[in-house]
Amino acid sequence: MQAEQSSVVTCDTVTAPVRPQPEAATSVRAPSVLQCGLIVTFMKLMLRVRGFQSTIEWIRRRVLDVPETGDAAPAILKTVERSVAMAGALYPGRAMCLEQSLTLYYLLRRQGVPVRYCQGVQPFPFQAHAWVEYLGEVINDVPDHVKLFARLPDQLP
């Protein structure tokens, strides 16, 4: 009679320690008021020399390939917005909402923050306005003021 051999294979499972996965780079760096002032100056110059459409195209080319990294902390968004607003206030002759909004959009979008550049008009008395939104919330103006303007189609990604 043949002895039946039963082979039992045991396998000790070795689990490697779980390492946290590196998170996407979601840290947003707040620029200085001086840096914001330089960009506001550049935006004003671009708008004056090359015009609105050319300035929009310039910004589009620089932000189109930047992936949106997701959420950003509201505190850092407010810090960036304050730096741009301060630079606009200190600018000789003041920077208007257009230059400030383009600057804010450019600074945040270049860092992957999914912001939206918006423009609107009010028919009587005629006024135009520009602002930036993050997750549907206005970040560089008062929401009640923005409601007075009929939104124009998006011009930037």
N, C-alpha and C. Protein backbone atom coordinates (compact mmCIF):
# COMPACT_ATOMS: atom_id res chain seq x y z
N MET A 1 0.82 -1.14 0.00
CA MET A 1 0.00 0.00 0.00
C MET A 1 0.89 1.23 0.00
N GLN A 2 0.51 2.10 -0.81
CA GLN A 2 1.32 3.29 -0.92
C GLN A 2 0.84 4.33 0.09
N ALA A 3 1.79 4.91 0.70
CA ALA A 3 1.45 5.96 1.65
C ALA A 3 1.12 7.22 0.88
N GLU A 4 0.00 7.71 1.17
CA GLU A 4 -0.45 8.93 0.52
C GLU A 4 0.21 10.09 1.23
N GLN A 5 0.87 10.85 0.46
CA GLN A 5 1.51 12.01 1.04
C GLN A 5 0.67 13.23 0.78
N SER A 6 0.42 13.87 1.82
CA SER A 6 -0.33 15.10 1.66
C SER A 6 0.64 16.24 1.90
N SER A 7 0.70 17.05 0.95
CA SER A 7 1.61 18.19 1.11
C SER A 7 0.80 19.45 1.38
N VAL A 8 1.07 20.01 2.47
CA VAL A 8 0.40 21.24 2.85
C VAL A 8 1.40 22.36 2.68
N VAL A 9 1.02 23.30 1.91
CA VAL A 9 1.89 24.44 1.67
C VAL A 9 1.37 25.59 2.50
N THR A 10 2.20 26.06 3.33
CA THR A 10 1.81 27.23 4.10
C THR A 10 2.62 28.41 3.59
N CYS A 11 1.97 29.48 3.55
CA CYS A 11 2.61 30.68 3.05
C CYS A 11 2.41 31.79 4.07
N ASP A 12 3.47 32.18 4.65
CA ASP A 12 3.38 33.30 5.57
C ASP A 12 3.31 34.59 4.76
N THR A 13 2.28 35.31 4.99
CA THR A 13 2.10 36.56 4.27
C THR A 13 2.89 37.64 4.98
N VAL A 14 3.75 38.22 4.23
CA VAL A 14 4.54 39.31 4.77
C VAL A 14 3.95 40.60 4.22
N THR A 15 3.54 41.42 5.12
CA THR A 15 2.98 42.70 4.68
C THR A 15 3.99 43.80 4.93
N ALA A 16 4.20 44.54 3.91
CA ALA A 16 5.11 45.67 4.03
C ALA A 16 4.40 46.80 4.76
N PRO A 17 5.14 47.59 5.48
CA PRO A 17 4.50 48.72 6.15
C PRO A 17 3.86 49.64 5.12
N VAL A 18 2.70 50.11 5.46
CA VAL A 18 1.98 50.99 4.56
C VAL A 18 2.59 52.38 4.65
N ARG A 19 3.01 52.84 3.50
CA ARG A 19 3.59 54.18 3.44
C ARG A 19 2.55 55.13 2.87
N PRO A 20 2.45 56.29 3.42
CA PRO A 20 1.48 57.23 2.85
C PRO A 20 1.88 57.60 1.44
N GLN A 21 0.89 57.64 0.57
CA GLN A 21 1.15 58.01 -0.82
C GLN A 21 1.43 59.50 -0.89
N PRO A 22 2.37 59.88 -1.74
CA PRO A 22 2.62 61.32 -1.85
C PRO A 22 1.38 61.99 -2.42
N GLU A 23 0.99 63.09 -1.78
CA GLU A 23 -0.18 63.82 -2.24
C GLU A 23 0.21 64.72 -3.39
N ALA A 24 -0.79 65.06 -4.16
CA ALA A 24 -0.55 65.99 -5.26
C ALA A 24 -0.11 67.32 -4.67
N ALA A 25 0.70 68.01 -5.41
CA ALA A 25 1.20 69.29 -4.92
C ALA A 25 0.06 70.30 -4.88
N THR A 26 -0.53 70.44 -3.71
CA THR A 26 -1.65 71.36 -3.58
C THR A 26 -1.27 72.62 -2.82
N SER A 27 0.00 72.73 -2.46
CA SER A 27 0.39 73.92 -1.72
C SER A 27 0.49 75.10 -2.67
N VAL A 28 -0.19 76.15 -2.30
CA VAL A 28 -0.20 77.36 -3.10
C VAL A 28 0.68 78.37 -2.40
N ARG A 29 1.57 78.96 -3.14
CA ARG A 29 2.49 79.94 -2.60
C ARG A 29 1.91 81.33 -2.80
N ALA A 30 1.87 82.11 -1.75
CA ALA A 30 1.37 83.47 -1.82
C ALA A 30 2.50 84.41 -2.25
N PRO A 31 2.31 85.13 -3.34
CA PRO A 31 3.34 86.06 -3.78
C PRO A 31 3.36 87.32 -2.92
N SER A 32 4.45 88.03 -2.98
CA SER A 32 4.55 89.28 -2.23
C SER A 32 3.76 90.37 -2.96
N VAL A 33 3.53 91.46 -2.26
CA VAL A 33 2.84 92.60 -2.87
C VAL A 33 3.68 93.14 -4.02
N LEU A 34 5.00 93.13 -3.87
CA LEU A 34 5.89 93.60 -4.94
C LEU A 34 5.74 92.73 -6.19
N GLN A 35 5.74 91.41 -6.01
CA GLN A 35 5.56 90.51 -7.16
C GLN A 35 4.21 90.77 -7.84
N CYS A 36 3.17 90.92 -7.03
CA CYS A 36 1.85 91.20 -7.59
C CYS A 36 1.85 92.53 -8.33
N GLY A 37 2.53 93.53 -7.77
CA GLY A 37 2.62 94.83 -8.42
C GLY A 37 3.30 94.75 -9.77
N LEU A 38 4.34 93.94 -9.86
CA LEU A 38 5.02 93.76 -11.14
C LEU A 38 4.11 93.11 -12.17
N ILE A 39 3.34 92.13 -11.74
CA ILE A 39 2.44 91.45 -12.67
C ILE A 39 1.28 92.37 -13.06
N VAL A 40 0.76 93.16 -12.12
CA VAL A 40 -0.29 94.14 -12.44
C VAL A 40 0.24 95.13 -13.48
N THR A 41 1.47 95.61 -13.28
CA THR A 41 2.09 96.53 -14.23
C THR A 41 2.22 95.88 -15.60
N PHE A 42 2.64 94.62 -15.61
CA PHE A 42 2.78 93.90 -16.88
C PHE A 42 1.43 93.74 -17.57
N MET A 43 0.39 93.40 -16.80
CA MET A 43 -0.95 93.25 -17.37
C MET A 43 -1.45 94.56 -17.96
N LYS A 44 -1.26 95.66 -17.23
CA LYS A 44 -1.67 96.98 -17.74
C LYS A 44 -0.94 97.31 -19.04
N LEU A 45 0.34 97.03 -19.06
CA LEU A 45 1.15 97.29 -20.26
C LEU A 45 0.68 96.43 -21.43
N MET A 46 0.46 95.14 -21.16
CA MET A 46 -0.02 94.24 -22.22
C MET A 46 -1.37 94.71 -22.78
N LEU A 47 -2.28 95.07 -21.88
CA LEU A 47 -3.59 95.52 -22.33
C LEU A 47 -3.48 96.79 -23.17
N ARG A 48 -2.62 97.70 -22.75
CA ARG A 48 -2.48 98.97 -23.47
C ARG A 48 -1.79 98.79 -24.82
N VAL A 49 -0.73 97.99 -24.84
CA VAL A 49 0.08 97.85 -26.06
C VAL A 49 -0.51 96.82 -27.02
N ARG A 50 -0.88 95.66 -26.51
CA ARG A 50 -1.31 94.56 -27.38
C ARG A 50 -2.81 94.36 -27.43
N GLY A 51 -3.55 94.92 -26.48
CA GLY A 51 -5.00 94.80 -26.49
C GLY A 51 -5.50 93.64 -25.65
N PHE A 52 -6.82 93.64 -25.45
CA PHE A 52 -7.44 92.66 -24.57
C PHE A 52 -7.30 91.24 -25.09
N GLN A 53 -7.64 91.01 -26.35
CA GLN A 53 -7.63 89.65 -26.89
C GLN A 53 -6.23 89.04 -26.88
N SER A 54 -5.23 89.82 -27.21
CA SER A 54 -3.86 89.33 -27.20
C SER A 54 -3.40 89.00 -25.77
N THR A 55 -3.83 89.81 -24.80
CA THR A 55 -3.48 89.56 -23.40
C THR A 55 -4.14 88.27 -22.92
N ILE A 56 -5.40 88.07 -23.27
CA ILE A 56 -6.12 86.84 -22.92
C ILE A 56 -5.42 85.63 -23.53
N GLU A 57 -5.01 85.73 -24.78
CA GLU A 57 -4.30 84.63 -25.44
C GLU A 57 -2.97 84.33 -24.76
N TRP A 58 -2.26 85.36 -24.34
CA TRP A 58 -0.99 85.19 -23.65
C TRP A 58 -1.20 84.41 -22.35
N ILE A 59 -2.22 84.80 -21.59
CA ILE A 59 -2.51 84.10 -20.34
C ILE A 59 -2.94 82.67 -20.62
N ARG A 60 -3.81 82.48 -21.61
CA ARG A 60 -4.30 81.14 -21.96
C ARG A 60 -3.15 80.19 -22.27
N ARG A 61 -2.19 80.65 -23.06
CA ARG A 61 -1.04 79.80 -23.42
C ARG A 61 -0.25 79.37 -22.19
N ARG A 62 -0.18 80.22 -21.19
CA ARG A 62 0.61 79.91 -20.01
C ARG A 62 -0.11 79.09 -18.95
N VAL A 63 -1.42 79.00 -19.02
CA VAL A 63 -2.14 78.22 -18.01
C VAL A 63 -2.80 76.96 -18.57
N LEU A 64 -2.86 76.84 -19.88
CA LEU A 64 -3.58 75.74 -20.49
C LEU A 64 -3.04 74.37 -20.10
N ASP A 65 -1.73 74.23 -20.02
CA ASP A 65 -1.12 72.93 -19.71
C ASP A 65 -0.87 72.70 -18.22
N VAL A 66 -1.26 73.64 -17.39
CA VAL A 66 -1.08 73.48 -15.95
C VAL A 66 -2.25 72.67 -15.42
N PRO A 67 -1.99 71.48 -14.86
CA PRO A 67 -3.10 70.67 -14.36
C PRO A 67 -3.71 71.29 -13.10
N GLU A 68 -5.02 71.16 -12.99
CA GLU A 68 -5.70 71.65 -11.80
C GLU A 68 -5.43 70.66 -10.68
N THR A 69 -4.92 71.15 -9.55
CA THR A 69 -4.50 70.27 -8.47
C THR A 69 -5.59 70.01 -7.46
N GLY A 70 -6.71 70.66 -7.59
CA GLY A 70 -7.80 70.42 -6.65
C GLY A 70 -8.01 71.59 -5.72
N ASP A 71 -8.43 71.27 -4.53
CA ASP A 71 -8.81 72.31 -3.57
C ASP A 71 -7.59 73.05 -3.03
N ALA A 72 -7.82 74.31 -2.72
CA ALA A 72 -6.80 75.13 -2.06
C ALA A 72 -7.42 75.68 -0.78
N ALA A 73 -6.60 75.92 0.18
CA ALA A 73 -7.09 76.43 1.46
C ALA A 73 -7.64 77.84 1.29
N PRO A 74 -8.82 78.11 1.83
CA PRO A 74 -9.40 79.46 1.71
C PRO A 74 -8.49 80.55 2.27
N ALA A 75 -7.74 80.25 3.31
CA ALA A 75 -6.86 81.26 3.90
C ALA A 75 -5.77 81.69 2.93
N ILE A 76 -5.20 80.73 2.18
CA ILE A 76 -4.14 81.09 1.24
C ILE A 76 -4.71 81.84 0.05
N LEU A 77 -5.92 81.48 -0.38
CA LEU A 77 -6.57 82.22 -1.47
C LEU A 77 -6.79 83.66 -1.05
N LYS A 78 -7.22 83.86 0.18
CA LYS A 78 -7.45 85.22 0.68
C LYS A 78 -6.15 85.99 0.76
N THR A 79 -5.06 85.32 1.12
CA THR A 79 -3.76 85.97 1.19
C THR A 79 -3.30 86.43 -0.19
N VAL A 80 -3.46 85.57 -1.19
CA VAL A 80 -3.08 85.93 -2.56
C VAL A 80 -3.97 87.09 -3.03
N GLU A 81 -5.26 87.00 -2.75
CA GLU A 81 -6.19 88.07 -3.16
C GLU A 81 -5.82 89.39 -2.51
N ARG A 82 -5.46 89.36 -1.24
CA ARG A 82 -5.07 90.60 -0.54
C ARG A 82 -3.80 91.20 -1.13
N SER A 83 -2.85 90.34 -1.49
CA SER A 83 -1.61 90.84 -2.08
C SER A 83 -1.88 91.54 -3.41
N VAL A 84 -2.75 90.94 -4.22
CA VAL A 84 -3.10 91.55 -5.50
C VAL A 84 -3.87 92.85 -5.27
N ALA A 85 -4.82 92.85 -4.34
CA ALA A 85 -5.60 94.06 -4.05
C ALA A 85 -4.70 95.18 -3.53
N MET A 86 -3.75 94.85 -2.68
CA MET A 86 -2.82 95.86 -2.15
C MET A 86 -1.95 96.41 -3.27
N ALA A 87 -1.47 95.54 -4.13
CA ALA A 87 -0.66 95.99 -5.27
C ALA A 87 -1.49 96.90 -6.17
N GLY A 88 -2.76 96.56 -6.38
CA GLY A 88 -3.63 97.39 -7.20
C GLY A 88 -3.90 98.74 -6.57
N ALA A 89 -4.04 98.76 -5.25
CA ALA A 89 -4.28 100.02 -4.55
C ALA A 89 -3.05 100.92 -4.56
N LEU A 90 -1.87 100.31 -4.48
CA LEU A 90 -0.62 101.08 -4.46
C LEU A 90 -0.15 101.49 -5.84
N TYR A 91 -0.73 100.89 -6.86
CA TYR A 91 -0.32 101.19 -8.23
C TYR A 91 -0.65 102.65 -8.54
N PRO A 92 0.27 103.38 -9.17
CA PRO A 92 -0.02 104.79 -9.49
C PRO A 92 -1.26 104.90 -10.39
N GLY A 93 -2.23 105.63 -9.94
CA GLY A 93 -3.47 105.77 -10.71
C GLY A 93 -4.43 104.61 -10.47
N ARG A 94 -4.09 103.69 -9.61
CA ARG A 94 -4.90 102.52 -9.25
C ARG A 94 -5.06 101.55 -10.43
N ALA A 95 -5.01 100.30 -10.12
CA ALA A 95 -5.28 99.25 -11.11
C ALA A 95 -6.77 98.93 -11.02
N MET A 96 -7.39 98.78 -12.14
CA MET A 96 -8.82 98.52 -12.20
C MET A 96 -9.09 97.03 -11.97
N CYS A 97 -10.39 96.69 -11.92
CA CYS A 97 -10.79 95.30 -11.67
C CYS A 97 -10.26 94.36 -12.76
N LEU A 98 -10.15 94.84 -13.98
CA LEU A 98 -9.68 94.00 -15.08
C LEU A 98 -8.24 93.54 -14.82
N GLU A 99 -7.35 94.48 -14.56
CA GLU A 99 -5.95 94.13 -14.33
C GLU A 99 -5.79 93.28 -13.07
N GLN A 100 -6.52 93.63 -12.02
CA GLN A 100 -6.41 92.86 -10.78
C GLN A 100 -6.95 91.44 -10.95
N SER A 101 -8.06 91.29 -11.65
CA SER A 101 -8.65 89.96 -11.84
C SER A 101 -7.78 89.10 -12.74
N LEU A 102 -7.23 89.69 -13.80
CA LEU A 102 -6.33 88.93 -14.66
C LEU A 102 -5.08 88.49 -13.90
N THR A 103 -4.56 89.37 -13.06
CA THR A 103 -3.39 89.04 -12.25
C THR A 103 -3.70 87.92 -11.26
N LEU A 104 -4.80 88.05 -10.56
CA LEU A 104 -5.19 87.02 -9.59
C LEU A 104 -5.42 85.68 -10.27
N TYR A 105 -6.14 85.69 -11.39
CA TYR A 105 -6.38 84.46 -12.14
C TYR A 105 -5.05 83.83 -12.57
N TYR A 106 -4.18 84.64 -13.14
CA TYR A 106 -2.89 84.15 -13.63
C TYR A 106 -2.07 83.53 -12.50
N LEU A 107 -1.97 84.23 -11.37
CA LEU A 107 -1.16 83.73 -10.25
C LEU A 107 -1.70 82.41 -9.70
N LEU A 108 -3.01 82.31 -9.54
CA LEU A 108 -3.60 81.09 -8.98
C LEU A 108 -3.61 79.94 -9.98
N ARG A 109 -3.97 80.23 -11.23
CA ARG A 109 -4.05 79.17 -12.24
C ARG A 109 -2.68 78.58 -12.54
N ARG A 110 -1.62 79.44 -12.50
CA ARG A 110 -0.26 78.94 -12.73
C ARG A 110 0.18 77.97 -11.65
N GLN A 111 -0.48 78.00 -10.50
CA GLN A 111 -0.17 77.08 -9.41
C GLN A 111 -1.16 75.92 -9.35
N GLY A 112 -2.04 75.83 -10.35
CA GLY A 112 -2.95 74.70 -10.44
C GLY A 112 -4.27 74.87 -9.71
N VAL A 113 -4.54 76.04 -9.18
CA VAL A 113 -5.81 76.27 -8.48
C VAL A 113 -6.91 76.44 -9.53
N PRO A 114 -8.00 75.68 -9.44
CA PRO A 114 -9.06 75.75 -10.45
C PRO A 114 -9.98 76.96 -10.27
N VAL A 115 -9.46 78.13 -10.62
CA VAL A 115 -10.25 79.36 -10.52
C VAL A 115 -10.86 79.68 -11.87
N ARG A 116 -11.83 80.59 -11.85
CA ARG A 116 -12.55 80.97 -13.06
C ARG A 116 -12.52 82.48 -13.20
N TYR A 117 -12.06 82.97 -14.34
CA TYR A 117 -12.06 84.40 -14.64
C TYR A 117 -13.43 84.74 -15.23
N CYS A 118 -14.08 85.74 -14.67
CA CYS A 118 -15.43 86.12 -15.11
C CYS A 118 -15.49 87.59 -15.46
N GLN A 119 -16.35 87.89 -16.42
CA GLN A 119 -16.63 89.26 -16.81
C GLN A 119 -18.13 89.42 -16.91
N GLY A 120 -18.59 90.64 -16.67
CA GLY A 120 -20.00 90.90 -16.80
C GLY A 120 -20.24 92.35 -17.17
N VAL A 121 -21.46 92.61 -17.62
CA VAL A 121 -21.84 93.98 -17.98
C VAL A 121 -23.16 94.32 -17.33
N GLN A 122 -23.35 95.61 -17.14
CA GLN A 122 -24.61 96.15 -16.63
C GLN A 122 -25.06 97.14 -17.70
N PRO A 123 -26.30 97.00 -18.22
CA PRO A 123 -26.70 97.83 -19.35
C PRO A 123 -26.94 99.31 -19.02
N PHE A 124 -27.57 99.60 -17.88
CA PHE A 124 -27.88 100.99 -17.60
C PHE A 124 -27.67 101.31 -16.15
N PRO A 125 -26.84 102.20 -15.77
CA PRO A 125 -25.84 102.84 -16.63
C PRO A 125 -24.80 101.80 -17.02
N PHE A 126 -24.29 101.93 -18.23
CA PHE A 126 -23.37 100.91 -18.72
C PHE A 126 -22.13 100.83 -17.84
N GLN A 127 -21.84 99.63 -17.39
CA GLN A 127 -20.62 99.35 -16.65
C GLN A 127 -20.16 97.94 -17.00
N ALA A 128 -18.88 97.73 -16.96
CA ALA A 128 -18.32 96.39 -17.13
C ALA A 128 -17.52 96.08 -15.88
N HIS A 129 -17.42 94.79 -15.58
CA HIS A 129 -16.72 94.39 -14.35
C HIS A 129 -16.06 93.03 -14.58
N ALA A 130 -14.96 92.79 -13.87
CA ALA A 130 -14.24 91.52 -13.93
C ALA A 130 -14.00 91.03 -12.50
N TRP A 131 -14.07 89.71 -12.33
CA TRP A 131 -13.83 89.11 -11.02
C TRP A 131 -13.36 87.67 -11.20
N VAL A 132 -12.93 87.05 -10.10
CA VAL A 132 -12.44 85.68 -10.12
C VAL A 132 -13.25 84.86 -9.13
N GLU A 133 -13.59 83.64 -9.54
CA GLU A 133 -14.36 82.74 -8.69
C GLU A 133 -13.56 81.47 -8.42
N TYR A 134 -13.80 80.92 -7.24
CA TYR A 134 -13.22 79.63 -6.86
C TYR A 134 -14.36 78.77 -6.32
N LEU A 135 -14.59 77.65 -6.95
CA LEU A 135 -15.68 76.74 -6.59
C LEU A 135 -17.02 77.47 -6.55
N GLY A 136 -17.22 78.37 -7.51
CA GLY A 136 -18.48 79.10 -7.62
C GLY A 136 -18.63 80.29 -6.70
N GLU A 137 -17.63 80.54 -5.87
CA GLU A 137 -17.67 81.67 -4.93
C GLU A 137 -16.73 82.78 -5.41
N VAL A 138 -17.21 84.00 -5.37
CA VAL A 138 -16.40 85.15 -5.74
C VAL A 138 -15.31 85.34 -4.69
N ILE A 139 -14.06 85.51 -5.14
CA ILE A 139 -12.97 85.65 -4.16
C ILE A 139 -12.36 87.05 -4.14
N ASN A 140 -12.61 87.87 -5.14
CA ASN A 140 -12.01 89.21 -5.11
C ASN A 140 -13.04 90.33 -5.25
N ASP A 141 -14.25 90.06 -4.80
CA ASP A 141 -15.30 91.06 -4.82
C ASP A 141 -16.41 90.62 -3.86
N VAL A 142 -17.38 91.47 -3.72
CA VAL A 142 -18.54 91.17 -2.89
C VAL A 142 -19.58 90.48 -3.77
N PRO A 143 -20.10 89.32 -3.38
CA PRO A 143 -21.06 88.60 -4.22
C PRO A 143 -22.28 89.44 -4.61
N ASP A 144 -22.76 90.30 -3.73
CA ASP A 144 -23.92 91.13 -4.07
C ASP A 144 -23.59 92.13 -5.18
N HIS A 145 -22.35 92.59 -5.25
CA HIS A 145 -21.95 93.51 -6.32
C HIS A 145 -21.90 92.78 -7.66
N VAL A 146 -21.41 91.56 -7.65
CA VAL A 146 -21.28 90.77 -8.88
C VAL A 146 -22.66 90.44 -9.47
N LYS A 147 -23.66 90.28 -8.61
CA LYS A 147 -25.02 89.95 -9.07
C LYS A 147 -25.62 91.04 -9.94
N LEU A 148 -25.09 92.25 -9.88
CA LEU A 148 -25.60 93.35 -10.69
C LEU A 148 -25.21 93.23 -12.16
N PHE A 149 -24.28 92.33 -12.47
CA PHE A 149 -23.73 92.23 -13.82
C PHE A 149 -24.17 90.94 -14.50
N ALA A 150 -24.54 91.08 -15.77
CA ALA A 150 -24.87 89.90 -16.58
C ALA A 150 -23.55 89.28 -17.04
N ARG A 151 -23.36 88.01 -16.69
CA ARG A 151 -22.10 87.32 -16.99
C ARG A 151 -21.93 87.12 -18.49
N LEU A 152 -20.72 87.39 -18.95
CA LEU A 152 -20.35 87.14 -20.35
C LEU A 152 -19.77 85.72 -20.44
N PRO A 153 -19.71 85.16 -21.65
CA PRO A 153 -19.12 83.81 -21.79
C PRO A 153 -17.66 83.78 -21.32
N ASP A 154 -17.24 82.62 -20.82
CA ASP A 154 -15.86 82.46 -20.34
C ASP A 154 -14.88 82.68 -21.48
N GLN A 155 -13.77 83.35 -21.14
CA GLN A 155 -12.74 83.62 -22.13
C GLN A 155 -11.44 82.88 -21.84
N LEU A 156 -11.32 82.39 -20.61
CA LEU A 156 -10.10 81.67 -20.22
C LEU A 156 -10.48 80.29 -19.69
N PRO A 157 -9.54 79.33 -19.83
CA PRO A 157 -9.83 77.96 -19.36
C PRO A 157 -9.95 77.89 -17.85
